[in-house]
Every structure is written in C-alpha cells, then in structure tokens.
Protein backbone atom coordinates (compact mmCIF):
# COMPACT_ATOMS: atom_id res chain seq x y z
CA MET A 1 -58.69 -8.39 -75.54
CA LEU A 2 -58.91 -4.43 -76.45
CA ASN A 3 -58.77 -3.60 -72.77
CA LYS A 4 -55.61 -5.71 -72.29
CA LYS A 5 -54.10 -3.71 -75.30
CA ILE A 6 -55.23 -0.38 -73.94
CA THR A 7 -53.63 -1.07 -70.42
CA THR A 8 -50.15 -2.04 -72.05
CA ILE A 9 -50.18 1.09 -74.12
CA ILE A 10 -50.73 3.11 -70.97
CA TYR A 11 -47.94 1.34 -68.90
CA ILE A 12 -45.61 2.00 -71.76
CA LEU A 13 -46.55 5.71 -71.83
CA ILE A 14 -45.99 6.10 -68.00
CA LEU A 15 -42.77 4.18 -68.26
CA GLY A 16 -41.74 6.60 -71.11
CA ILE A 17 -42.56 9.64 -69.13
CA ALA A 18 -40.95 8.55 -65.85
CA LEU A 19 -37.53 7.75 -68.21
CA PHE A 20 -37.78 11.20 -69.70
CA PHE A 21 -38.10 13.06 -66.35
CA LEU A 22 -35.36 10.98 -64.87
CA LEU A 23 -32.91 11.76 -67.93
CA THR A 24 -33.83 15.41 -68.05
CA PHE A 25 -33.80 16.65 -64.30
CA SER A 26 -31.23 14.19 -62.71
CA PRO A 27 -28.00 16.24 -61.68
CA VAL A 28 -25.03 15.20 -63.83
CA PRO A 29 -21.78 14.48 -61.68
CA SER A 30 -19.05 16.69 -62.18
CA VAL A 31 -15.60 15.61 -63.57
CA THR A 32 -12.61 17.22 -62.04
CA PRO A 33 -9.96 17.46 -64.77
CA THR A 34 -6.53 16.04 -63.97
CA PRO A 35 -4.02 18.84 -64.20
CA ALA A 36 -1.40 18.74 -66.59
CA PRO A 37 1.95 17.76 -65.45
CA GLN A 38 4.25 20.96 -64.93
CA SER A 39 7.87 21.35 -65.24
CA PRO A 40 9.85 21.94 -61.83
CA THR A 41 10.80 25.54 -61.09
CA PRO A 42 14.47 25.78 -61.92
CA SER A 43 16.43 26.76 -58.62
CA LEU A 44 18.78 29.85 -59.18
CA PRO A 45 22.36 29.22 -58.01
CA LEU A 46 23.38 31.49 -54.93
CA PRO A 47 26.23 34.22 -55.68
CA THR A 48 29.56 32.81 -54.92
CA LEU A 49 31.41 35.16 -52.57
CA PRO A 50 35.07 35.37 -53.29
CA ALA A 51 37.42 33.39 -50.60
CA PRO A 52 39.28 35.58 -48.28
CA LEU A 53 43.02 36.28 -49.05
CA TYR A 54 45.40 34.64 -46.66
CA LEU A 55 48.75 36.48 -46.48
CA ASP A 56 50.56 33.28 -45.83
CA GLN A 57 50.37 32.75 -49.49
CA TYR A 58 52.76 35.52 -49.78
CA SER A 59 55.69 33.95 -47.73
CA ILE A 60 55.30 36.92 -45.31
CA LYS A 61 58.62 36.32 -43.22
CA GLY A 62 58.17 38.80 -40.22
CA ASP A 63 62.02 39.03 -40.06
CA GLY A 64 62.33 42.64 -39.37
CA THR A 65 62.92 43.57 -43.07
CA ASP A 66 60.48 46.16 -44.71
CA GLU A 67 57.89 43.98 -46.18
CA GLY A 68 55.61 46.74 -46.88
CA PRO A 69 55.74 46.57 -50.54
CA VAL A 70 54.69 42.92 -50.38
CA ILE A 71 51.84 43.62 -48.23
CA GLN A 72 50.59 46.34 -50.41
CA ALA A 73 50.66 44.25 -53.48
CA ALA A 74 48.60 41.77 -51.76
CA LEU A 75 45.91 44.31 -50.61
CA ASN A 76 46.04 45.59 -54.15
CA ASN A 77 45.73 42.17 -55.78
CA ALA A 78 42.84 41.47 -53.30
CA ALA A 79 40.92 44.70 -54.10
CA SER A 80 41.35 43.90 -58.00
CA GLN A 81 39.69 40.53 -57.75
CA SER A 82 37.03 41.75 -55.65
CA ILE A 83 38.15 40.00 -52.64
CA LYS A 84 36.65 41.65 -49.35
CA THR A 85 38.51 39.98 -46.69
CA VAL A 86 42.32 39.71 -46.04
CA ILE A 87 43.38 37.73 -43.04
CA PHE A 88 46.85 38.51 -41.78
CA PRO A 89 49.36 35.61 -40.39
CA ALA A 90 48.64 35.02 -36.64
CA GLY A 91 51.41 36.16 -34.27
CA LYS A 92 53.87 37.46 -36.84
CA VAL A 93 55.76 40.83 -36.42
CA ILE A 94 55.63 42.49 -39.87
CA THR A 95 57.70 45.60 -40.34
CA THR A 96 56.22 48.06 -43.12
CA GLY A 97 56.48 51.75 -44.37
CA SER A 98 53.34 53.74 -45.25
CA LEU A 99 50.63 51.50 -46.27
CA ARG A 100 47.17 52.47 -48.08
CA ILE A 101 44.09 49.86 -47.65
CA PRO A 102 42.11 49.87 -50.85
CA GLU A 103 38.34 50.76 -50.52
CA GLY A 104 36.18 48.17 -49.33
CA LEU A 105 38.58 45.69 -47.72
CA THR A 106 38.10 43.93 -44.28
CA LEU A 107 41.50 43.45 -42.48
CA ILE A 108 41.55 40.74 -39.81
CA GLY A 109 44.65 40.86 -37.69
CA ASN A 110 44.43 37.54 -36.03
CA GLY A 111 46.91 38.74 -33.64
CA CYS A 112 49.50 40.09 -35.91
CA THR A 113 51.55 42.78 -35.30
CA LEU A 114 52.33 45.80 -37.62
CA ARG A 115 55.38 47.75 -36.74
CA LEU A 116 56.69 51.34 -38.52
CA LYS A 117 59.95 50.65 -39.84
CA GLU A 118 62.94 52.58 -38.57
CA ASN A 119 63.71 56.04 -40.13
CA ALA A 120 60.35 55.87 -42.21
CA HIS A 121 59.83 59.52 -41.45
CA THR A 122 62.76 61.73 -40.37
CA ASP A 123 61.48 65.47 -41.04
CA ALA A 124 58.91 67.84 -39.27
CA ASP A 125 56.20 67.46 -42.12
CA PRO A 126 53.06 65.80 -41.37
CA TRP A 127 53.20 62.10 -42.41
CA THR A 128 50.77 59.16 -42.08
CA TRP A 129 51.55 55.40 -41.50
CA ILE A 130 48.46 53.73 -42.65
CA TYR A 131 45.46 55.08 -44.63
CA VAL A 132 42.47 53.39 -43.78
CA GLN A 133 40.20 54.29 -46.96
CA GLU A 134 36.56 54.40 -47.39
CA ASN A 135 34.41 51.43 -46.46
CA CYS A 136 37.35 49.61 -44.89
CA ASN A 137 37.16 47.76 -41.71
CA VAL A 138 40.00 46.89 -39.46
CA SER A 139 40.23 44.42 -36.50
CA GLY A 140 42.39 42.42 -34.26
CA PHE A 141 45.96 43.96 -34.84
CA THR A 142 48.73 45.40 -32.70
CA PHE A 143 50.12 48.38 -34.36
CA ASP A 144 53.48 49.79 -33.13
CA GLY A 145 54.43 53.05 -34.27
CA ASN A 146 58.12 52.90 -33.17
CA ARG A 147 58.09 56.29 -32.46
CA PHE A 148 61.65 56.35 -30.77
CA ASN A 149 63.64 55.13 -33.84
CA GLY A 150 64.26 57.88 -36.04
CA ASN A 151 60.29 58.67 -36.99
CA GLY A 152 59.63 62.17 -37.05
CA LEU A 153 57.73 64.45 -34.71
CA ASN A 154 54.43 64.47 -36.84
CA THR A 155 54.18 60.96 -37.67
CA ASN A 156 50.58 59.86 -37.46
CA GLY A 157 49.38 56.26 -36.96
CA LEU A 158 45.99 55.24 -38.97
CA MET A 159 43.78 57.66 -40.87
CA LEU A 160 40.35 56.74 -41.11
CA GLN A 161 38.59 58.23 -44.15
CA GLY A 162 34.86 57.32 -43.92
CA ASN A 163 32.42 54.37 -43.07
CA ASN A 164 34.83 52.39 -41.34
CA ARG A 165 35.07 50.07 -38.21
CA PHE A 166 38.13 49.95 -36.22
CA ASP A 167 37.66 47.60 -33.33
CA ASN A 168 39.75 45.22 -31.05
CA ASN A 169 43.07 46.59 -31.76
CA GLU A 170 46.14 47.73 -29.72
CA VAL A 171 47.81 51.02 -31.01
CA PHE A 172 50.91 52.49 -29.20
CA ASN A 173 54.23 54.36 -29.75
CA VAL A 174 52.80 56.68 -32.08
CA ASN A 175 54.33 60.28 -32.13
CA SER A 176 51.46 62.49 -33.17
CA TYR A 177 47.63 61.29 -33.88
CA ALA A 178 47.38 57.74 -33.19
CA VAL A 179 44.02 56.96 -34.62
CA PHE A 180 42.18 59.90 -36.38
CA VAL A 181 39.42 60.70 -38.39
CA TYR A 182 40.09 62.68 -41.73
CA GLY A 183 39.02 62.43 -45.51
CA ARG A 184 36.66 63.80 -48.09
CA TYR A 185 33.62 62.09 -46.46
CA PRO A 186 34.83 61.34 -42.86
CA GLY A 187 31.55 60.02 -41.40
CA ASN A 188 29.89 56.93 -40.35
CA ILE A 189 32.89 55.69 -38.29
CA ARG A 190 33.02 53.38 -35.27
CA ILE A 191 36.23 53.33 -33.20
CA THR A 192 35.52 50.75 -30.48
CA ASN A 193 36.99 48.34 -27.92
CA ASN A 194 40.64 49.37 -28.78
CA SER A 195 43.60 49.90 -26.29
CA ILE A 196 45.54 52.96 -27.19
CA HIS A 197 48.56 54.03 -24.91
CA ASP A 198 51.86 55.51 -24.85
CA ILE A 199 51.18 58.22 -27.38
CA LYS A 200 52.91 61.55 -27.76
CA GLN A 201 50.14 63.85 -28.74
CA TYR A 202 46.44 62.32 -29.24
CA GLY A 203 45.05 58.86 -28.68
CA ILE A 204 41.78 59.33 -30.93
CA ASP A 205 40.86 62.28 -33.00
CA THR A 206 37.40 62.37 -34.32
CA GLY A 207 37.17 64.97 -37.23
CA GLY A 208 38.99 66.52 -39.85
CA SER A 209 38.58 66.99 -43.92
CA ASP A 210 40.52 67.73 -46.90
CA GLY A 211 37.20 68.01 -48.87
CA PRO A 212 33.94 69.72 -49.47
CA TYR A 213 32.37 68.41 -46.08
CA SER A 214 34.11 69.87 -43.01
CA TRP A 215 32.98 67.71 -40.32
CA GLY A 216 33.55 64.13 -38.91
CA TYR A 217 30.05 63.11 -38.64
CA ASN A 218 28.11 60.22 -37.15
CA VAL A 219 31.42 58.90 -35.24
CA THR A 220 31.17 56.60 -32.46
CA VAL A 221 33.99 56.22 -29.95
CA SER A 222 33.01 53.61 -27.50
CA GLY A 223 34.40 51.17 -25.06
CA ASN A 224 38.27 52.02 -25.74
CA THR A 225 40.98 52.01 -22.99
CA LEU A 226 43.40 54.98 -23.49
CA SER A 227 46.30 55.79 -21.25
CA ASP A 228 49.48 57.92 -21.43
CA CYS A 229 48.51 60.04 -24.28
CA GLY A 230 50.44 63.13 -24.08
CA GLU A 231 48.06 66.15 -24.96
CA ALA A 232 44.62 64.38 -25.05
CA ALA A 233 43.23 60.96 -24.98
CA ILE A 234 40.31 61.87 -27.11
CA LYS A 235 40.36 65.08 -29.32
CA ILE A 236 36.88 66.04 -30.40
CA ARG A 237 37.59 68.43 -33.46
CA GLY A 238 35.27 69.46 -36.47
CA THR A 239 32.92 66.80 -35.29
CA LYS A 240 28.93 66.65 -34.97
CA ASP A 241 25.98 64.22 -34.38
CA SER A 242 28.46 61.79 -32.47
CA LEU A 243 28.89 59.85 -29.26
CA ILE A 244 31.82 59.46 -27.05
CA ASP A 245 30.92 56.83 -24.84
CA ASN A 246 31.99 54.23 -22.13
CA ASN A 247 35.64 54.83 -22.64
CA THR A 248 38.36 54.27 -19.81
CA ILE A 249 40.96 56.97 -19.65
CA THR A 250 44.18 57.11 -17.37
CA LEU A 251 46.26 60.37 -17.84
CA GLY A 252 49.97 60.12 -18.15
CA ALA A 253 52.73 62.63 -17.13
CA ARG A 254 53.41 66.02 -18.82
CA ASN A 255 55.37 65.47 -22.02
CA THR A 256 58.83 66.38 -21.51
CA ASN A 257 60.78 65.66 -25.03
CA PRO A 258 60.05 68.21 -26.15
CA PRO A 259 57.97 69.88 -23.38
CA GLY A 260 54.37 69.90 -24.02
CA ASP A 261 50.86 70.36 -22.56
CA VAL A 262 49.69 68.77 -19.61
CA PRO A 263 47.42 66.13 -20.62
CA SER A 264 43.45 66.06 -21.01
CA GLY A 265 41.36 63.14 -20.90
CA ILE A 266 38.58 64.41 -23.35
CA ARG A 267 39.02 67.65 -25.11
CA LEU A 268 36.59 69.55 -27.15
CA TYR A 269 38.82 71.56 -29.44
CA SER A 270 36.94 73.96 -31.79
CA TRP A 271 39.78 76.21 -32.94
CA ASP A 272 40.31 74.53 -36.07
CA GLU A 273 36.50 73.60 -36.79
CA THR A 274 33.45 73.83 -34.63
CA ASN A 275 31.79 70.86 -32.83
CA THR A 276 27.95 70.38 -32.58
CA ASN A 277 25.60 67.91 -31.27
CA VAL A 278 28.19 65.84 -29.29
CA VAL A 279 27.47 63.72 -26.48
CA ILE A 280 30.04 62.73 -23.91
CA SER A 281 28.46 60.02 -21.49
CA ASN A 282 29.63 57.43 -19.12
CA ASN A 283 33.44 57.66 -19.50
CA ILE A 284 35.90 57.19 -16.57
CA VAL A 285 38.92 59.53 -16.57
CA THR A 286 41.51 59.35 -13.88
CA GLY A 287 44.18 62.01 -13.97
CA ILE A 288 47.40 62.98 -12.46
CA ASP A 289 46.71 65.86 -9.86
CA GLU A 290 49.03 68.13 -11.80
CA ASN A 291 47.96 71.83 -12.77
CA PRO A 292 46.34 72.24 -15.34
CA SER A 293 45.41 68.68 -16.04
CA SER A 294 41.73 68.34 -17.09
CA CYS A 295 39.60 65.16 -17.14
CA ILE A 296 36.95 66.75 -19.63
CA ASN A 297 37.38 70.30 -21.10
CA SER A 298 36.73 72.64 -23.93
CA ASP A 299 38.58 75.37 -25.47
CA ASP A 300 36.13 78.12 -26.42
CA SER A 301 32.39 78.84 -27.03
CA ASP A 302 32.48 77.32 -30.54
CA ASN A 303 31.04 74.00 -29.39
CA TYR A 304 27.17 73.74 -29.72
CA ASN A 305 24.57 71.42 -28.36
CA ILE A 306 27.11 69.57 -26.13
CA SER A 307 25.77 66.93 -23.44
CA ILE A 308 28.31 65.94 -20.75
CA GLU A 309 26.46 63.17 -18.63
CA GLY A 310 27.11 60.45 -16.38
CA ASN A 311 30.66 60.76 -16.43
CA LYS A 312 33.34 59.83 -13.64
CA ALA A 313 36.42 62.15 -13.21
CA SER A 314 38.92 62.00 -10.60
CA HIS A 315 42.23 63.19 -9.61
CA CYS A 316 42.71 66.01 -12.09
CA TYR A 317 43.33 69.50 -11.33
CA GLU A 318 40.13 70.26 -13.13
CA GLY A 319 37.39 67.80 -13.38
CA ILE A 320 35.09 69.39 -16.13
CA ASP A 321 36.08 72.65 -17.65
CA ILE A 322 33.32 74.29 -19.54
CA GLN A 323 33.73 77.20 -21.93
CA PHE A 324 30.82 76.84 -24.43
CA ASP A 325 27.23 78.09 -23.98
CA ASN A 326 23.83 76.41 -23.47
CA GLY A 327 25.07 72.94 -22.76
CA ILE A 328 23.93 70.12 -20.42
CA ILE A 329 26.12 68.92 -17.71
CA THR A 330 24.23 66.36 -15.85
CA GLY A 331 24.76 63.15 -13.66
CA ASN A 332 28.59 63.42 -13.41
CA THR A 333 30.48 62.13 -10.51
CA ILE A 334 33.78 64.17 -9.60
CA SER A 335 36.12 63.59 -6.90
CA ASP A 336 39.45 64.61 -5.57
CA CYS A 337 40.02 67.54 -8.09
CA VAL A 338 41.30 71.03 -7.11
CA LYS A 339 38.26 72.27 -9.14
CA ALA A 340 35.50 70.02 -9.77
CA ILE A 341 33.41 71.92 -12.24
CA ILE A 342 34.32 75.32 -13.99
CA ASN A 343 31.42 76.87 -15.63
CA ASP A 344 32.84 79.62 -18.10
CA GLY A 345 29.88 79.47 -20.73
CA SER A 346 26.56 81.24 -20.30
CA GLY A 347 23.17 79.52 -20.39
CA ASN A 348 24.50 76.24 -19.24
CA THR A 349 22.60 73.64 -17.18
CA LEU A 350 24.38 71.90 -14.25
CA SER A 351 22.37 69.50 -12.53
CA ASN A 352 22.52 66.15 -10.47
CA ASN A 353 26.02 66.05 -10.41
CA THR A 354 27.88 64.60 -7.21
CA ILE A 355 31.15 66.28 -6.23
CA ARG A 356 33.42 64.98 -3.12
CA TYR A 357 36.79 65.96 -1.85
CA CYS A 358 37.43 69.10 -4.03
CA SER A 359 39.03 72.20 -3.10
CA GLU A 360 36.22 73.95 -5.17
CA GLY A 361 32.95 72.32 -6.11
CA ILE A 362 31.47 74.59 -8.69
CA GLN A 363 32.95 77.74 -10.09
CA ILE A 364 30.63 79.91 -11.94
CA THR A 365 32.00 82.92 -13.83
CA SER A 366 29.23 83.15 -16.35
CA ASN A 367 25.64 84.29 -16.89
CA ASN A 368 22.24 83.07 -17.24
CA GLY A 369 22.94 79.25 -16.00
CA ILE A 370 20.92 76.80 -13.97
CA ILE A 371 22.58 75.20 -11.21
CA THR A 372 20.17 72.73 -9.55
CA ASN A 373 19.68 69.38 -7.79
CA ASN A 374 23.83 69.02 -7.50
CA THR A 375 25.41 67.35 -4.31
CA VAL A 376 28.54 68.55 -2.91
CA TYR A 377 30.42 66.74 -0.20
CA ASN A 378 33.50 67.78 1.90
CA CYS A 379 34.62 70.72 -0.41
CA ILE A 380 36.40 73.85 1.00
CA LEU A 381 34.05 75.93 -1.30
CA SER A 382 31.05 74.34 -2.49
CA ILE A 383 29.67 76.79 -4.96
CA VAL A 384 31.34 80.00 -6.04
CA ASN A 385 28.96 82.13 -8.05
CA SER A 386 30.54 85.14 -9.30
CA GLY A 387 28.52 85.56 -12.71
CA PHE A 388 25.12 87.33 -13.25
CA ASP A 389 21.37 86.06 -13.28
CA ASN A 390 22.44 82.49 -12.51
CA SER A 391 19.53 80.15 -10.85
CA VAL A 392 21.36 78.32 -8.13
CA GLU A 393 18.79 76.22 -6.16
CA ASN A 394 18.10 73.06 -4.35
CA ASN A 395 21.69 72.07 -4.12
CA ILE A 396 22.84 70.05 -1.15
CA LEU A 397 25.95 71.14 0.41
CA ILE A 398 27.46 68.62 2.85
CA ASN A 399 30.65 69.74 5.12
CA GLY A 400 31.33 72.70 3.11
CA ARG A 401 30.37 76.32 2.05
C-alpha cells in the first residue's frame, strides 16, 4: 500500500514538472493589432483657369468703321480679370487705329484680319500701329498696314517688347518697320513661320531699345517667308546671342516712291548699335540681279562673332558682302551673282563654300584671312586676292582662273 502511494506521488511530481516546462518555455503566439481606421486624405481642387475671352461677345461688326476702341476695351478687360487668352472672330476684317496689347495676353487670330484705318498717321514722325507688350503672344492673324491710304512714311507695324512669340501671321502693306523688336528688355523673342511681304522698308528688325539694355537678345527668326521688302527683308540691328535660320527671302524691285535703296535679303546693320554672337544659317535668298542688291551683307566692322553658314544666295549683284572681322563664312552656296563673296574684313575664315556662274567668285581686299576648301565653278575670276597675309589653299577652281 505504501509503495502504491509513493508511485502515485512520483507520477504527480513528474506531471507537474512537465507542465511547468511546457508553460514556461513554449513560444507565445504573436497577435497583430488591427490598425485603427484612418480618415481619407482630402483631395485638393485643381486651380481653375479663367476661360478665354471671345471677342464675338463684343459685337464686332467688321464693317470698315474704326473698331479700335472696342478692341482695346476688350483687351484691357481681359487683363483686368486675369484672362490669359483672347480669341478673335474667324474671317472678319476689323479696322483699327493704334492698339496696345496688355502684358501677359495671348491673342489667337483665328484667321481674322486687322487693318489699319485710313489716315491714322499722316505726318513724318515715327508712329507704331500695334504694341505687343512683354509676355504677349500673337498668332493666326493677317495684318494689313494699309500704307497707300494716307498713312505716313514712318508708320510702323508691330512692336515686340520682350518675351514674345509671334508666329503663323501674315503682315503686309506696312510703310516702315513691319515687325520689329524694341523695348526696355527686348529679348527672348521668337518670330517664326510668318509671311511678310510688300513692305516699304524692313520686314523684320531684331533689335532696339529705349531702356537700360541696348540689345535685342536671344531673338530667333526662323521659318519665315519674306518678299518685296524695300530696304531689307531682315535687318539685324543691336542684336546679340541670336539666330536667323531657315527663312526664305525673295527681293523686290528698287523703291521708287520716294527713291530708296536697292534691297538686301539679310543686313547686319551696326551703325546704331553693335551686333554680336549672331548665327545666320540655312536661309534661301533670291535676288533681282540689280546693282547693288545683296543677298547677305554688313555695313562695317562693328559686328562681332558672326557666323554665316549653310545659306543659299542667288541672282543678286552681291551674294555675301562681309565688312566685319574674325567671322566664319562656311558651307554657303552662291550662284548667278556678279560678285559671289566680298571679304573686306580681316581675320575671316571662308571655307567649304560652293560658288557657281558668277563673274567674280571670291574677292579678298583685307588681311589675315583663311580661304580654304572652297569650290568655284564657271566664274570669270575665281579668286581675287589683293590683301596681305591671307592663307589661300586647297580651293578647287573649275573652268575659271
């Protein structure tokens, strides 16, 4: 009986010890807490941009009367309400006097024609039709300067004053400067893909200032078609860090009323202000075979770091006339001119140009130039070097001397 009690006690002790170890050293299962519900993140509303202003709301008639005051009031109203875009009525011809586009507006012409009213400007003082103020863009218009109806000799077309895009417009019948850069900060301007024709003086002018900065800077003139611009299709004046590229220019006849200059295609004009860091490339200029018409020319040595490259010039008295120093004239094609390239500046590099069917190929009257790797076909005088210390080598002369 005693042995039976001892055996029972031993079993109880063993069971207790086993239960102790089981409870002490067994892993406790982890419990993942349930996340507390979160409030949804509020979505912020997108800013609402003002709707465009449609000028049809202003009962534009297009009947030939002067609707300039109505247009100006509409533009001023748009600016005062932070409206950024003004859309003109399609197909209408709207007559106006002088207009001033408030800063920051984009004008979409939608095929609309703006026509300068008759006798808007009748004296000889400079006068401008449309002021395109800073940060304004203009596209899709036809602008008729109406120069034969009592508007003075110095009536200008459109003044671009800074940070502008002027593209896909037609401009014609302007007496003086058709499209020109002028203002306090006249830079960062793109004049592209416009048609400009029948202009008394200048088609496009790239620089001028009435403020502390005297240059038109970062101006791009590209893809435009210009014809019959009386003095120059593109006048580069007081311009720096700019590109004149891929324009097509056809020169017209000499001005006769009153008598004026024989036209140039592209003119570097530095008498008012110097030009620097300008690239003239890939333009096509076709002339009129009249003396002294010029496809591309410069006035004097106040033009710095000028590159003339990849252009095609034909049927002018002068193809390319260089008066400046230390420029690059390369890869151009000149044909059917009396004088293909005139180099009157010192230190210029003329290379890889192709000249065909001109009386004189390359005329050098200056010093210290490099004339190399040019090809001259069928010119009476291929290369005429009357300067000093010029390097003339590796040129190909075919059927000329």
